[in-house]
Amino acid sequence: MSTAYVLLNSDLGSDESIITEVKQILADEDIKYEVQGVYGVYDIVLKLSSDNAEKIRAIITNKIRKISKVQSTLTMMVIEEQENL
């Protein structure tokens, strides 16, 4: 299973609306996810899991990064070969 962690920076005060939009986007996708607002350098943490790594990449690139109040993202793909060490 492929997993990605996406850290998002948002416009001030827009984290709740972004989380809502992320949930709406991912509701139509066959993908497991967790999304939470956080304190620190980033505003939102999103975890995506799927059997299809390309689907994860496409969702991040074509949907998540295009949400209007998202300023920037940092994506970390889990190294699948090391998951079961």
PDB file of N, CA and C in Angstrom:
ATOM      1  N   MET A   1       0.844  -1.185   0.000  1.00  0.00           N
ATOM      2  CA  MET A   1       0.000   0.000   0.000  1.00  0.00           C
ATOM      3  C   MET A   1       0.883   1.239   0.000  1.00  0.00           C
ATOM      4  N   SER A   2       0.558   2.189  -0.826  1.00  0.00           N
ATOM      5  CA  SER A   2       1.301   3.451  -0.906  1.00  0.00           C
ATOM      6  C   SER A   2       0.708   4.454   0.070  1.00  0.00           C
ATOM      7  N   THR A   3       1.591   5.200   0.720  1.00  0.00           N
ATOM      8  CA  THR A   3       1.166   6.206   1.685  1.00  0.00           C
ATOM      9  C   THR A   3       1.932   7.493   1.436  1.00  0.00           C
ATOM     10  N   ALA A   4       1.242   8.611   1.566  1.00  0.00           N
ATOM     11  CA  ALA A   4       1.877   9.929   1.443  1.00  0.00           C
ATOM     12  C   ALA A   4       1.394  10.812   2.578  1.00  0.00           C
ATOM     13  N   TYR A   5       2.306  11.610   3.081  1.00  0.00           N
ATOM     14  CA  TYR A   5       1.974  12.649   4.057  1.00  0.00           C
ATOM     15  C   TYR A   5       2.122  13.983   3.345  1.00  0.00           C
ATOM     16  N   VAL A   6       1.106  14.823   3.445  1.00  0.00           N
ATOM     17  CA  VAL A   6       1.129  16.134   2.798  1.00  0.00           C
ATOM     18  C   VAL A   6       0.971  17.187   3.892  1.00  0.00           C
ATOM     19  N   LEU A   7       1.942  18.088   3.971  1.00  0.00           N
ATOM     20  CA  LEU A   7       1.890  19.209   4.906  1.00  0.00           C
ATOM     21  C   LEU A   7       1.442  20.430   4.119  1.00  0.00           C
ATOM     22  N   LEU A   8       0.450  21.132   4.627  1.00  0.00           N
ATOM     23  CA  LEU A   8      -0.114  22.279   3.907  1.00  0.00           C
ATOM     24  C   LEU A   8       0.037  23.555   4.716  1.00  0.00           C
ATOM     25  N   ASN A   9       0.397  24.624   4.046  1.00  0.00           N
ATOM     26  CA  ASN A   9       0.341  25.976   4.597  1.00  0.00           C
ATOM     27  C   ASN A   9      -0.872  26.650   3.990  1.00  0.00           C
ATOM     28  N   SER A  10      -1.647  27.331   4.827  1.00  0.00           N
ATOM     29  CA  SER A  10      -2.870  27.966   4.352  1.00  0.00           C
ATOM     30  C   SER A  10      -2.871  29.456   4.649  1.00  0.00           C
ATOM     31  N   ASP A  11      -3.795  30.157   3.985  1.00  0.00           N
ATOM     32  CA  ASP A  11      -4.019  31.557   4.329  1.00  0.00           C
ATOM     33  C   ASP A  11      -4.503  31.614   5.778  1.00  0.00           C
ATOM     34  N   LEU A  12      -4.178  32.698   6.456  1.00  0.00           N
ATOM     35  CA  LEU A  12      -4.540  32.869   7.857  1.00  0.00           C
ATOM     36  C   LEU A  12      -6.041  32.681   8.065  1.00  0.00           C
ATOM     37  N   GLY A  13      -6.396  31.789   8.975  1.00  0.00           N
ATOM     38  CA  GLY A  13      -7.791  31.575   9.324  1.00  0.00           C
ATOM     39  C   GLY A  13      -8.593  30.716   8.363  1.00  0.00           C
ATOM     40  N   SER A  14      -7.935  30.119   7.371  1.00  0.00           N
ATOM     41  CA  SER A  14      -8.686  29.348   6.379  1.00  0.00           C
ATOM     42  C   SER A  14      -8.530  27.838   6.546  1.00  0.00           C
ATOM     43  N   ASP A  15      -7.873  27.404   7.618  1.00  0.00           N
ATOM     44  CA  ASP A  15      -7.598  25.975   7.757  1.00  0.00           C
ATOM     45  C   ASP A  15      -8.878  25.135   7.856  1.00  0.00           C
ATOM     46  N   GLU A  16      -9.886  25.606   8.550  1.00  0.00           N
ATOM     47  CA  GLU A  16     -11.123  24.827   8.672  1.00  0.00           C
ATOM     48  C   GLU A  16     -11.814  24.662   7.326  1.00  0.00           C
ATOM     49  N   SER A  17     -11.848  25.715   6.524  1.00  0.00           N
ATOM     50  CA  SER A  17     -12.502  25.602   5.216  1.00  0.00           C
ATOM     51  C   SER A  17     -11.694  24.697   4.280  1.00  0.00           C
ATOM     52  N   ILE A  18     -10.382  24.716   4.394  1.00  0.00           N
ATOM     53  CA  ILE A  18      -9.544  23.833   3.569  1.00  0.00           C
ATOM     54  C   ILE A  18      -9.770  22.380   3.976  1.00  0.00           C
ATOM     55  N   ILE A  19      -9.821  22.107   5.273  1.00  0.00           N
ATOM     56  CA  ILE A  19     -10.072  20.742   5.746  1.00  0.00           C
ATOM     57  C   ILE A  19     -11.418  20.244   5.220  1.00  0.00           C
ATOM     58  N   THR A  20     -12.425  21.083   5.262  1.00  0.00           N
ATOM     59  CA  THR A  20     -13.742  20.724   4.737  1.00  0.00           C
ATOM     60  C   THR A  20     -13.666  20.412   3.249  1.00  0.00           C
ATOM     61  N   GLU A  21     -12.946  21.230   2.499  1.00  0.00           N
ATOM     62  CA  GLU A  21     -12.812  21.019   1.058  1.00  0.00           C
ATOM     63  C   GLU A  21     -12.028  19.746   0.754  1.00  0.00           C
ATOM     64  N   VAL A  22     -10.985  19.482   1.519  1.00  0.00           N
ATOM     65  CA  VAL A  22     -10.211  18.243   1.345  1.00  0.00           C
ATOM     66  C   VAL A  22     -11.123  17.038   1.549  1.00  0.00           C
ATOM     67  N   LYS A  23     -11.940  17.072   2.598  1.00  0.00           N
ATOM     68  CA  LYS A  23     -12.862  15.963   2.867  1.00  0.00           C
ATOM     69  C   LYS A  23     -13.864  15.779   1.727  1.00  0.00           C
ATOM     70  N   GLN A  24     -14.344  16.878   1.142  1.00  0.00           N
ATOM     71  CA  GLN A  24     -15.273  16.793   0.020  1.00  0.00           C
ATOM     72  C   GLN A  24     -14.597  16.183  -1.208  1.00  0.00           C
ATOM     73  N   ILE A  25     -13.369  16.597  -1.467  1.00  0.00           N
ATOM     74  CA  ILE A  25     -12.617  16.067  -2.606  1.00  0.00           C
ATOM     75  C   ILE A  25     -12.386  14.565  -2.441  1.00  0.00           C
ATOM     76  N   LEU A  26     -11.969  14.162  -1.254  1.00  0.00           N
ATOM     77  CA  LEU A  26     -11.594  12.773  -1.032  1.00  0.00           C
ATOM     78  C   LEU A  26     -12.794  11.848  -0.811  1.00  0.00           C
ATOM     79  N   ALA A  27     -13.960  12.402  -0.540  1.00  0.00           N
ATOM     80  CA  ALA A  27     -15.165  11.582  -0.364  1.00  0.00           C
ATOM     81  C   ALA A  27     -15.509  10.833  -1.642  1.00  0.00           C
ATOM     82  N   ASP A  28     -15.183  11.404  -2.787  1.00  0.00           N
ATOM     83  CA  ASP A  28     -15.495  10.795  -4.081  1.00  0.00           C
ATOM     84  C   ASP A  28     -14.394   9.865  -4.574  1.00  0.00           C
ATOM     85  N   GLU A  29     -13.293   9.778  -3.849  1.00  0.00           N
ATOM     86  CA  GLU A  29     -12.150   8.967  -4.259  1.00  0.00           C
ATOM     87  C   GLU A  29     -12.104   7.670  -3.466  1.00  0.00           C
ATOM     88  N   ASP A  30     -11.580   6.630  -4.083  1.00  0.00           N
ATOM     89  CA  ASP A  30     -11.393   5.349  -3.401  1.00  0.00           C
ATOM     90  C   ASP A  30     -10.011   5.353  -2.751  1.00  0.00           C
ATOM     91  N   ILE A  31      -9.910   6.097  -1.642  1.00  0.00           N
ATOM     92  CA  ILE A  31      -8.618   6.309  -0.990  1.00  0.00           C
ATOM     93  C   ILE A  31      -8.850   6.518   0.505  1.00  0.00           C
ATOM     94  N   LYS A  32      -7.962   5.983   1.318  1.00  0.00           N
ATOM     95  CA  LYS A  32      -8.054   6.203   2.765  1.00  0.00           C
ATOM     96  C   LYS A  32      -7.324   7.500   3.094  1.00  0.00           C
ATOM     97  N   TYR A  33      -7.865   8.251   4.039  1.00  0.00           N
ATOM     98  CA  TYR A  33      -7.207   9.506   4.402  1.00  0.00           C
ATOM     99  C   TYR A  33      -7.481   9.884   5.847  1.00  0.00           C
ATOM    100  N   GLU A  34      -6.578  10.701   6.367  1.00  0.00           N
ATOM    101  CA  GLU A  34      -6.750  11.381   7.649  1.00  0.00           C
ATOM    102  C   GLU A  34      -6.315  12.820   7.415  1.00  0.00           C
ATOM    103  N   VAL A  35      -7.042  13.767   7.959  1.00  0.00           N
ATOM    104  CA  VAL A  35      -6.670  15.177   7.817  1.00  0.00           C
ATOM    105  C   VAL A  35      -6.905  15.868   9.154  1.00  0.00           C
ATOM    106  N   GLN A  36      -5.907  16.665   9.568  1.00  0.00           N
ATOM    107  CA  GLN A  36      -5.999  17.357  10.857  1.00  0.00           C
ATOM    108  C   GLN A  36      -5.304  18.707  10.777  1.00  0.00           C
ATOM    109  N   GLY A  37      -5.860  19.676  11.495  1.00  0.00           N
ATOM    110  CA  GLY A  37      -5.182  20.942  11.695  1.00  0.00           C
ATOM    111  C   GLY A  37      -4.120  20.771  12.767  1.00  0.00           C
ATOM    112  N   VAL A  38      -2.994  21.442  12.611  1.00  0.00           N
ATOM    113  CA  VAL A  38      -1.895  21.311  13.571  1.00  0.00           C
ATOM    114  C   VAL A  38      -1.295  22.679  13.885  1.00  0.00           C
ATOM    115  N   TYR A  39      -0.591  22.743  15.013  1.00  0.00           N
ATOM    116  CA  TYR A  39       0.187  23.927  15.362  1.00  0.00           C
ATOM    117  C   TYR A  39       1.606  23.727  14.856  1.00  0.00           C
ATOM    118  N   GLY A  40       2.262  24.810  14.499  1.00  0.00           N
ATOM    119  CA  GLY A  40       3.655  24.720  14.079  1.00  0.00           C
ATOM    120  C   GLY A  40       3.881  25.406  12.745  1.00  0.00           C
ATOM    121  N   VAL A  41       4.903  24.960  12.053  1.00  0.00           N
ATOM    122  CA  VAL A  41       5.292  25.570  10.778  1.00  0.00           C
ATOM    123  C   VAL A  41       4.208  25.367   9.721  1.00  0.00           C
ATOM    124  N   TYR A  42       3.545  24.209   9.762  1.00  0.00           N
ATOM    125  CA  TYR A  42       2.467  23.912   8.828  1.00  0.00           C
ATOM    126  C   TYR A  42       1.126  24.009   9.539  1.00  0.00           C
ATOM    127  N   ASP A  43       0.059  24.151   8.758  1.00  0.00           N
ATOM    128  CA  ASP A  43      -1.273  24.345   9.316  1.00  0.00           C
ATOM    129  C   ASP A  43      -2.132  23.086   9.294  1.00  0.00           C
ATOM    130  N   ILE A  44      -1.888  22.226   8.310  1.00  0.00           N
ATOM    131  CA  ILE A  44      -2.710  21.031   8.116  1.00  0.00           C
ATOM    132  C   ILE A  44      -1.802  19.866   7.741  1.00  0.00           C
ATOM    133  N   VAL A  45      -2.115  18.678   8.295  1.00  0.00           N
ATOM    134  CA  VAL A  45      -1.426  17.450   7.924  1.00  0.00           C
ATOM    135  C   VAL A  45      -2.459  16.518   7.301  1.00  0.00           C
ATOM    136  N   LEU A  46      -2.107  15.975   6.135  1.00  0.00           N
ATOM    137  CA  LEU A  46      -2.984  15.069   5.411  1.00  0.00           C
ATOM    138  C   LEU A  46      -2.228  13.772   5.150  1.00  0.00           C
ATOM    139  N   LYS A  47      -2.828  12.650   5.511  1.00  0.00           N
ATOM    140  CA  LYS A  47      -2.247  11.333   5.234  1.00  0.00           C
ATOM    141  C   LYS A  47      -3.145  10.637   4.228  1.00  0.00           C
ATOM    142  N   LEU A  48      -2.555  10.197   3.118  1.00  0.00           N
ATOM    143  CA  LEU A  48      -3.291   9.503   2.070  1.00  0.00           C
ATOM    144  C   LEU A  48      -2.731   8.097   1.909  1.00  0.00           C
ATOM    145  N   SER A  49      -3.600   7.104   1.771  1.00  0.00           N
ATOM    146  CA  SER A  49      -3.168   5.719   1.548  1.00  0.00           C
ATOM    147  C   SER A  49      -4.027   5.088   0.466  1.00  0.00           C
ATOM    148  N   SER A  50      -3.351   4.355  -0.428  1.00  0.00           N
ATOM    149  CA  SER A  50      -4.045   3.694  -1.530  1.00  0.00           C
ATOM    150  C   SER A  50      -3.159   2.591  -2.083  1.00  0.00           C
ATOM    151  N   ASP A  51      -3.775   1.655  -2.772  1.00  0.00           N
ATOM    152  CA  ASP A  51      -3.000   0.628  -3.472  1.00  0.00           C
ATOM    153  C   ASP A  51      -2.365   1.191  -4.729  1.00  0.00           C
ATOM    154  N   ASN A  52      -2.773   2.361  -5.141  1.00  0.00           N
ATOM    155  CA  ASN A  52      -2.311   2.964  -6.385  1.00  0.00           C
ATOM    156  C   ASN A  52      -1.546   4.260  -6.089  1.00  0.00           C
ATOM    157  N   ALA A  53      -0.214   4.205  -6.155  1.00  0.00           N
ATOM    158  CA  ALA A  53       0.618   5.381  -5.866  1.00  0.00           C
ATOM    159  C   ALA A  53       0.362   6.511  -6.861  1.00  0.00           C
ATOM    160  N   GLU A  54       0.101   6.169  -8.094  1.00  0.00           N
ATOM    161  CA  GLU A  54      -0.144   7.191  -9.109  1.00  0.00           C
ATOM    162  C   GLU A  54      -1.431   7.960  -8.812  1.00  0.00           C
ATOM    163  N   LYS A  55      -2.418   7.281  -8.269  1.00  0.00           N
ATOM    164  CA  LYS A  55      -3.665   7.951  -7.896  1.00  0.00           C
ATOM    165  C   LYS A  55      -3.414   8.970  -6.792  1.00  0.00           C
ATOM    166  N   ILE A  56      -2.585   8.603  -5.819  1.00  0.00           N
ATOM    167  CA  ILE A  56      -2.230   9.538  -4.748  1.00  0.00           C
ATOM    168  C   ILE A  56      -1.557  10.770  -5.335  1.00  0.00           C
ATOM    169  N   ARG A  57      -0.579  10.556  -6.196  1.00  0.00           N
ATOM    170  CA  ARG A  57       0.136  11.686  -6.818  1.00  0.00           C
ATOM    171  C   ARG A  57      -0.821  12.588  -7.603  1.00  0.00           C
ATOM    172  N   ALA A  58      -1.733  11.974  -8.346  1.00  0.00           N
ATOM    173  CA  ALA A  58      -2.678  12.756  -9.147  1.00  0.00           C
ATOM    174  C   ALA A  58      -3.605  13.591  -8.268  1.00  0.00           C
ATOM    175  N   ILE A  59      -4.087  13.022  -7.176  1.00  0.00           N
ATOM    176  CA  ILE A  59      -4.972  13.760  -6.267  1.00  0.00           C
ATOM    177  C   ILE A  59      -4.239  14.948  -5.652  1.00  0.00           C
ATOM    178  N   ILE A  60      -2.999  14.724  -5.221  1.00  0.00           N
ATOM    179  CA  ILE A  60      -2.223  15.812  -4.616  1.00  0.00           C
ATOM    180  C   ILE A  60      -1.981  16.921  -5.636  1.00  0.00           C
ATOM    181  N   THR A  61      -1.511  16.531  -6.818  1.00  0.00           N
ATOM    182  CA  THR A  61      -1.141  17.519  -7.838  1.00  0.00           C
ATOM    183  C   THR A  61      -2.350  18.231  -8.428  1.00  0.00           C
ATOM    184  N   ASN A  62      -3.381  17.479  -8.774  1.00  0.00           N
ATOM    185  CA  ASN A  62      -4.499  18.047  -9.529  1.00  0.00           C
ATOM    186  C   ASN A  62      -5.649  18.561  -8.679  1.00  0.00           C
ATOM    187  N   LYS A  63      -5.684  18.184  -7.378  1.00  0.00           N
ATOM    188  CA  LYS A  63      -6.815  18.612  -6.557  1.00  0.00           C
ATOM    189  C   LYS A  63      -6.383  19.347  -5.292  1.00  0.00           C
ATOM    190  N   ILE A  64      -5.566  18.716  -4.468  1.00  0.00           N
ATOM    191  CA  ILE A  64      -5.202  19.313  -3.180  1.00  0.00           C
ATOM    192  C   ILE A  64      -4.412  20.602  -3.379  1.00  0.00           C
ATOM    193  N   ARG A  65      -3.404  20.568  -4.240  1.00  0.00           N
ATOM    194  CA  ARG A  65      -2.563  21.750  -4.440  1.00  0.00           C
ATOM    195  C   ARG A  65      -3.305  22.900  -5.103  1.00  0.00           C
ATOM    196  N   LYS A  66      -4.449  22.617  -5.717  1.00  0.00           N
ATOM    197  CA  LYS A  66      -5.207  23.657  -6.416  1.00  0.00           C
ATOM    198  C   LYS A  66      -6.309  24.285  -5.563  1.00  0.00           C
ATOM    199  N   ILE A  67      -6.417  23.868  -4.312  1.00  0.00           N
ATOM    200  CA  ILE A  67      -7.386  24.507  -3.415  1.00  0.00           C
ATOM    201  C   ILE A  67      -6.957  25.964  -3.233  1.00  0.00           C
ATOM    202  N   SER A  68      -7.888  26.881  -3.396  1.00  0.00           N
ATOM    203  CA  SER A  68      -7.548  28.304  -3.526  1.00  0.00           C
ATOM    204  C   SER A  68      -6.782  28.898  -2.346  1.00  0.00           C
ATOM    205  N   LYS A  69      -7.049  28.502  -1.126  1.00  0.00           N
ATOM    206  CA  LYS A  69      -6.389  29.154   0.010  1.00  0.00           C
ATOM    207  C   LYS A  69      -5.172  28.387   0.521  1.00  0.00           C
ATOM    208  N   VAL A  70      -4.738  27.366  -0.219  1.00  0.00           N
ATOM    209  CA  VAL A  70      -3.511  26.645   0.120  1.00  0.00           C
ATOM    210  C   VAL A  70      -2.343  27.432  -0.459  1.00  0.00           C
ATOM    211  N   GLN A  71      -1.435  27.883   0.414  1.00  0.00           N
ATOM    212  CA  GLN A  71      -0.284  28.652  -0.036  1.00  0.00           C
ATOM    213  C   GLN A  71       0.832  27.764  -0.568  1.00  0.00           C
ATOM    214  N   SER A  72       1.096  26.641   0.138  1.00  0.00           N
ATOM    215  CA  SER A  72       2.159  25.732  -0.282  1.00  0.00           C
ATOM    216  C   SER A  72       1.927  24.359   0.324  1.00  0.00           C
ATOM    217  N   THR A  73       2.590  23.365  -0.267  1.00  0.00           N
ATOM    218  CA  THR A  73       2.510  22.004   0.252  1.00  0.00           C
ATOM    219  C   THR A  73       3.905  21.389   0.284  1.00  0.00           C
ATOM    220  N   LEU A  74       4.057  20.393   1.134  1.00  0.00           N
ATOM    221  CA  LEU A  74       5.262  19.564   1.167  1.00  0.00           C
ATOM    222  C   LEU A  74       4.762  18.130   1.233  1.00  0.00           C
ATOM    223  N   THR A  75       5.129  17.333   0.228  1.00  0.00           N
ATOM    224  CA  THR A  75       4.660  15.953   0.147  1.00  0.00           C
ATOM    225  C   THR A  75       5.801  14.992   0.439  1.00  0.00           C
ATOM    226  N   MET A  76       5.510  14.010   1.281  1.00  0.00           N
ATOM    227  CA  MET A  76       6.489  12.969   1.606  1.00  0.00           C
ATOM    228  C   MET A  76       5.852  11.620   1.312  1.00  0.00           C
ATOM    229  N   MET A  77       6.412  10.894   0.345  1.00  0.00           N
ATOM    230  CA  MET A  77       5.942   9.550   0.014  1.00  0.00           C
ATOM    231  C   MET A  77       6.702   8.548   0.872  1.00  0.00           C
ATOM    232  N   VAL A  78       5.996   7.628   1.493  1.00  0.00           N
ATOM    233  CA  VAL A  78       6.612   6.599   2.322  1.00  0.00           C
ATOM    234  C   VAL A  78       7.362   5.619   1.420  1.00  0.00           C
ATOM    235  N   ILE A  79       8.540   5.194   1.838  1.00  0.00           N
ATOM    236  CA  ILE A  79       9.328   4.202   1.114  1.00  0.00           C
ATOM    237  C   ILE A  79       8.713   2.835   1.417  1.00  0.00           C
ATOM    238  N   GLU A  80       8.007   2.291   0.444  1.00  0.00           N
ATOM    239  CA  GLU A  80       7.242   1.072   0.669  1.00  0.00           C
ATOM    240  C   GLU A  80       8.130  -0.110   1.097  1.00  0.00           C
ATOM    241  N   GLU A  81       9.317  -0.180   0.568  1.00  0.00           N
ATOM    242  CA  GLU A  81      10.211  -1.290   0.894  1.00  0.00           C
ATOM    243  C   GLU A  81      10.613  -1.296   2.371  1.00  0.00           C
ATOM    244  N   GLN A  82      10.527  -0.158   3.030  1.00  0.00           N
ATOM    245  CA  GLN A  82      10.937  -0.052   4.433  1.00  0.00           C
ATOM    246  C   GLN A  82       9.754  -0.102   5.398  1.00  0.00           C
ATOM    247  N   GLU A  83       8.537  -0.197   4.885  1.00  0.00           N
ATOM    248  CA  GLU A  83       7.354  -0.161   5.737  1.00  0.00           C
ATOM    249  C   GLU A  83       7.299  -1.301   6.732  1.00  0.00           C
ATOM    250  N   ASN A  84       7.781  -2.471   6.367  1.00  0.00           N
ATOM    251  CA  ASN A  84       7.651  -3.647   7.222  1.00  0.00           C
ATOM    252  C   ASN A  84       8.937  -4.012   7.943  1.00  0.00           C
ATOM    253  N   LEU A  85       9.879  -3.095   8.060  1.00  0.00           N
ATOM    254  CA  LEU A  85      11.133  -3.388   8.781  1.00  0.00           C
ATOM    255  C   LEU A  85      10.908  -3.433  10.268  1.00  0.00           C
TER     256      LEU A  85
END
